[in-house]
Amino acid sequence: MDMGRESRWEKDAMTVEIVFALVSAVALAAAVFAAALSLALVLDISGSVRKGVLVGGALLGATAGVWRLVRALLRFDEQRRMGS
């Protein structure tokens, strides 16, 4: 086996970590948006305020999802470089 190449196990571990990061990011984004949606429904908000709450929830959800994705992948890369 060549020293500079990744083993099949390392490639599989990266694939699993990428899928985990994507799934957890989507779940977090959905949870944040669901919180904004439930807030709009519980408080019986209507009109432009409701639209603003939903757009804000979507933006916060997207931001949280991207943050989670980047954080998970950077943590995996750090652990991989340390040899864990």
N, C-alpha and C. Protein backbone atom coordinates (compact mmCIF):
# COMPACT_ATOMS: atom_id res chain seq x y z
N MET A 1 0.84 -1.18 0.00
CA MET A 1 0.00 0.00 0.00
C MET A 1 0.89 1.24 0.00
N ASP A 2 0.55 2.24 -0.79
CA ASP A 2 1.33 3.48 -0.87
C ASP A 2 1.11 4.32 0.37
N MET A 3 2.16 5.00 0.83
CA MET A 3 2.09 5.78 2.06
C MET A 3 1.21 7.03 1.93
N GLY A 4 1.12 7.64 0.79
CA GLY A 4 0.36 8.88 0.63
C GLY A 4 -1.12 8.68 0.37
N ARG A 5 -1.53 7.48 0.20
CA ARG A 5 -2.91 7.22 -0.18
C ARG A 5 -3.76 6.85 1.02
N GLU A 6 -5.04 7.14 0.91
CA GLU A 6 -5.98 6.80 1.98
C GLU A 6 -6.47 5.38 1.79
N SER A 7 -6.64 4.69 2.89
CA SER A 7 -7.15 3.32 2.83
C SER A 7 -8.66 3.35 2.55
N ARG A 8 -9.17 2.23 2.21
CA ARG A 8 -10.61 2.12 1.95
C ARG A 8 -11.40 2.46 3.20
N TRP A 9 -10.89 2.05 4.37
CA TRP A 9 -11.54 2.33 5.64
C TRP A 9 -11.61 3.84 5.87
N GLU A 10 -10.54 4.56 5.57
CA GLU A 10 -10.53 6.02 5.76
C GLU A 10 -11.52 6.70 4.81
N LYS A 11 -11.60 6.22 3.60
CA LYS A 11 -12.57 6.78 2.65
C LYS A 11 -14.00 6.52 3.12
N ASP A 12 -14.26 5.32 3.62
CA ASP A 12 -15.58 5.00 4.14
C ASP A 12 -15.91 5.86 5.35
N ALA A 13 -14.93 6.07 6.22
CA ALA A 13 -15.14 6.91 7.40
C ALA A 13 -15.47 8.35 6.98
N MET A 14 -14.79 8.85 5.97
CA MET A 14 -15.10 10.20 5.48
C MET A 14 -16.50 10.28 4.91
N THR A 15 -16.90 9.26 4.17
CA THR A 15 -18.25 9.25 3.59
C THR A 15 -19.30 9.24 4.68
N VAL A 16 -19.10 8.41 5.69
CA VAL A 16 -20.05 8.34 6.80
C VAL A 16 -20.11 9.69 7.51
N GLU A 17 -18.97 10.31 7.73
CA GLU A 17 -18.94 11.60 8.43
C GLU A 17 -19.62 12.70 7.62
N ILE A 18 -19.44 12.69 6.31
CA ILE A 18 -20.10 13.69 5.45
C ILE A 18 -21.61 13.50 5.50
N VAL A 19 -22.07 12.26 5.40
CA VAL A 19 -23.51 12.00 5.46
C VAL A 19 -24.07 12.39 6.82
N PHE A 20 -23.35 12.05 7.90
CA PHE A 20 -23.79 12.44 9.24
C PHE A 20 -23.88 13.96 9.36
N ALA A 21 -22.88 14.66 8.85
CA ALA A 21 -22.87 16.12 8.93
C ALA A 21 -24.05 16.71 8.15
N LEU A 22 -24.32 16.18 6.98
CA LEU A 22 -25.44 16.68 6.17
C LEU A 22 -26.79 16.40 6.84
N VAL A 23 -26.96 15.20 7.33
CA VAL A 23 -28.24 14.84 7.96
C VAL A 23 -28.47 15.66 9.22
N SER A 24 -27.44 15.79 10.05
CA SER A 24 -27.61 16.57 11.28
C SER A 24 -27.81 18.05 10.97
N ALA A 25 -27.20 18.56 9.91
CA ALA A 25 -27.39 19.95 9.53
C ALA A 25 -28.82 20.19 9.05
N VAL A 26 -29.34 19.28 8.25
CA VAL A 26 -30.72 19.40 7.77
C VAL A 26 -31.70 19.29 8.94
N ALA A 27 -31.44 18.37 9.87
CA ALA A 27 -32.32 18.22 11.03
C ALA A 27 -32.32 19.48 11.89
N LEU A 28 -31.15 20.07 12.11
CA LEU A 28 -31.07 21.30 12.89
C LEU A 28 -31.80 22.44 12.18
N ALA A 29 -31.58 22.58 10.88
CA ALA A 29 -32.25 23.64 10.12
C ALA A 29 -33.77 23.46 10.17
N ALA A 30 -34.23 22.24 10.04
CA ALA A 30 -35.67 21.97 10.10
C ALA A 30 -36.24 22.27 11.49
N ALA A 31 -35.48 21.94 12.52
CA ALA A 31 -35.95 22.21 13.89
C ALA A 31 -36.05 23.72 14.15
N VAL A 32 -35.10 24.48 13.67
CA VAL A 32 -35.14 25.93 13.86
C VAL A 32 -36.32 26.52 13.09
N PHE A 33 -36.52 26.08 11.85
CA PHE A 33 -37.65 26.58 11.08
C PHE A 33 -38.97 26.16 11.72
N ALA A 34 -39.04 24.93 12.22
CA ALA A 34 -40.26 24.46 12.88
C ALA A 34 -40.57 25.29 14.11
N ALA A 35 -39.54 25.72 14.82
CA ALA A 35 -39.76 26.58 15.99
C ALA A 35 -40.37 27.91 15.56
N ALA A 36 -39.87 28.48 14.48
CA ALA A 36 -40.41 29.75 13.98
C ALA A 36 -41.85 29.55 13.48
N LEU A 37 -42.09 28.46 12.80
CA LEU A 37 -43.44 28.17 12.30
C LEU A 37 -44.41 27.98 13.45
N SER A 38 -44.01 27.21 14.46
CA SER A 38 -44.90 27.00 15.60
C SER A 38 -45.14 28.30 16.36
N LEU A 39 -44.13 29.15 16.43
CA LEU A 39 -44.31 30.46 17.06
C LEU A 39 -45.37 31.27 16.31
N ALA A 40 -45.29 31.27 14.99
CA ALA A 40 -46.26 31.99 14.18
C ALA A 40 -47.66 31.41 14.34
N LEU A 41 -47.76 30.10 14.46
CA LEU A 41 -49.07 29.47 14.60
C LEU A 41 -49.65 29.67 16.00
N VAL A 42 -48.81 29.54 17.02
CA VAL A 42 -49.30 29.66 18.41
C VAL A 42 -49.74 31.08 18.71
N LEU A 43 -48.96 32.04 18.24
CA LEU A 43 -49.30 33.44 18.50
C LEU A 43 -50.34 33.99 17.53
N ASP A 44 -50.78 33.16 16.59
CA ASP A 44 -51.79 33.53 15.61
C ASP A 44 -51.41 34.81 14.87
N ILE A 45 -50.18 34.84 14.41
CA ILE A 45 -49.66 35.98 13.66
C ILE A 45 -50.13 35.84 12.22
N SER A 46 -50.48 36.97 11.61
CA SER A 46 -50.92 36.92 10.22
C SER A 46 -50.30 38.08 9.44
N GLY A 47 -50.44 38.00 8.15
CA GLY A 47 -49.98 39.08 7.28
C GLY A 47 -48.47 39.12 7.12
N SER A 48 -47.98 40.35 7.02
CA SER A 48 -46.56 40.54 6.74
C SER A 48 -45.69 40.15 7.93
N VAL A 49 -46.23 40.25 9.13
CA VAL A 49 -45.46 39.84 10.31
C VAL A 49 -45.21 38.33 10.27
N ARG A 50 -46.22 37.57 9.89
CA ARG A 50 -46.07 36.12 9.77
C ARG A 50 -45.03 35.77 8.72
N LYS A 51 -45.10 36.48 7.59
CA LYS A 51 -44.13 36.24 6.52
C LYS A 51 -42.72 36.57 7.02
N GLY A 52 -42.59 37.64 7.76
CA GLY A 52 -41.28 38.02 8.31
C GLY A 52 -40.75 36.98 9.29
N VAL A 53 -41.62 36.45 10.13
CA VAL A 53 -41.21 35.42 11.09
C VAL A 53 -40.77 34.16 10.34
N LEU A 54 -41.50 33.78 9.31
CA LEU A 54 -41.15 32.59 8.56
C LEU A 54 -39.86 32.77 7.76
N VAL A 55 -39.68 33.94 7.17
CA VAL A 55 -38.43 34.21 6.44
C VAL A 55 -37.26 34.25 7.42
N GLY A 56 -37.47 34.88 8.57
CA GLY A 56 -36.43 34.90 9.59
C GLY A 56 -36.09 33.50 10.08
N GLY A 57 -37.12 32.68 10.27
CA GLY A 57 -36.89 31.29 10.69
C GLY A 57 -36.14 30.50 9.64
N ALA A 58 -36.47 30.75 8.37
CA ALA A 58 -35.76 30.06 7.29
C ALA A 58 -34.29 30.49 7.24
N LEU A 59 -34.06 31.79 7.41
CA LEU A 59 -32.68 32.27 7.40
C LEU A 59 -31.89 31.75 8.60
N LEU A 60 -32.51 31.79 9.77
CA LEU A 60 -31.83 31.25 10.96
C LEU A 60 -31.60 29.74 10.82
N GLY A 61 -32.57 29.04 10.27
CA GLY A 61 -32.41 27.61 10.06
C GLY A 61 -31.29 27.30 9.09
N ALA A 62 -31.23 28.04 7.99
CA ALA A 62 -30.15 27.83 7.02
C ALA A 62 -28.79 28.14 7.64
N THR A 63 -28.72 29.22 8.40
CA THR A 63 -27.47 29.58 9.07
C THR A 63 -27.04 28.51 10.07
N ALA A 64 -27.99 28.03 10.86
CA ALA A 64 -27.68 26.99 11.84
C ALA A 64 -27.24 25.70 11.14
N GLY A 65 -27.89 25.37 10.04
CA GLY A 65 -27.53 24.16 9.30
C GLY A 65 -26.13 24.24 8.72
N VAL A 66 -25.80 25.36 8.11
CA VAL A 66 -24.45 25.54 7.56
C VAL A 66 -23.42 25.52 8.67
N TRP A 67 -23.73 26.17 9.80
CA TRP A 67 -22.81 26.17 10.94
C TRP A 67 -22.55 24.74 11.41
N ARG A 68 -23.61 23.95 11.53
CA ARG A 68 -23.47 22.56 11.98
C ARG A 68 -22.65 21.74 11.00
N LEU A 69 -22.91 21.92 9.72
CA LEU A 69 -22.19 21.18 8.69
C LEU A 69 -20.69 21.49 8.76
N VAL A 70 -20.35 22.76 8.79
CA VAL A 70 -18.95 23.16 8.83
C VAL A 70 -18.29 22.68 10.12
N ARG A 71 -18.97 22.84 11.23
CA ARG A 71 -18.41 22.43 12.53
C ARG A 71 -18.13 20.94 12.56
N ALA A 72 -19.07 20.12 12.09
CA ALA A 72 -18.89 18.67 12.11
C ALA A 72 -17.74 18.25 11.20
N LEU A 73 -17.65 18.85 10.02
CA LEU A 73 -16.59 18.46 9.09
C LEU A 73 -15.22 18.93 9.57
N LEU A 74 -15.14 20.11 10.15
CA LEU A 74 -13.86 20.58 10.67
C LEU A 74 -13.40 19.74 11.86
N ARG A 75 -14.34 19.35 12.72
CA ARG A 75 -13.98 18.50 13.85
C ARG A 75 -13.49 17.14 13.37
N PHE A 76 -14.13 16.58 12.35
CA PHE A 76 -13.68 15.30 11.81
C PHE A 76 -12.29 15.43 11.21
N ASP A 77 -12.05 16.51 10.47
CA ASP A 77 -10.74 16.73 9.85
C ASP A 77 -9.66 16.87 10.92
N GLU A 78 -9.98 17.59 11.98
CA GLU A 78 -9.02 17.76 13.08
C GLU A 78 -8.68 16.42 13.72
N GLN A 79 -9.70 15.60 13.97
CA GLN A 79 -9.46 14.28 14.56
C GLN A 79 -8.69 13.37 13.62
N ARG A 80 -8.98 13.48 12.33
CA ARG A 80 -8.28 12.66 11.34
C ARG A 80 -6.80 13.03 11.28
N ARG A 81 -6.50 14.32 11.35
CA ARG A 81 -5.11 14.78 11.31
C ARG A 81 -4.35 14.37 12.56
N MET A 82 -5.05 14.29 13.70
CA MET A 82 -4.40 13.90 14.95
C MET A 82 -4.21 12.38 15.02
N GLY A 83 -4.86 11.66 14.14
CA GLY A 83 -4.70 10.21 14.11
C GLY A 83 -5.69 9.44 14.94
N SER A 84 -6.77 10.09 15.36
CA SER A 84 -7.77 9.41 16.19
C SER A 84 -8.71 8.59 15.36
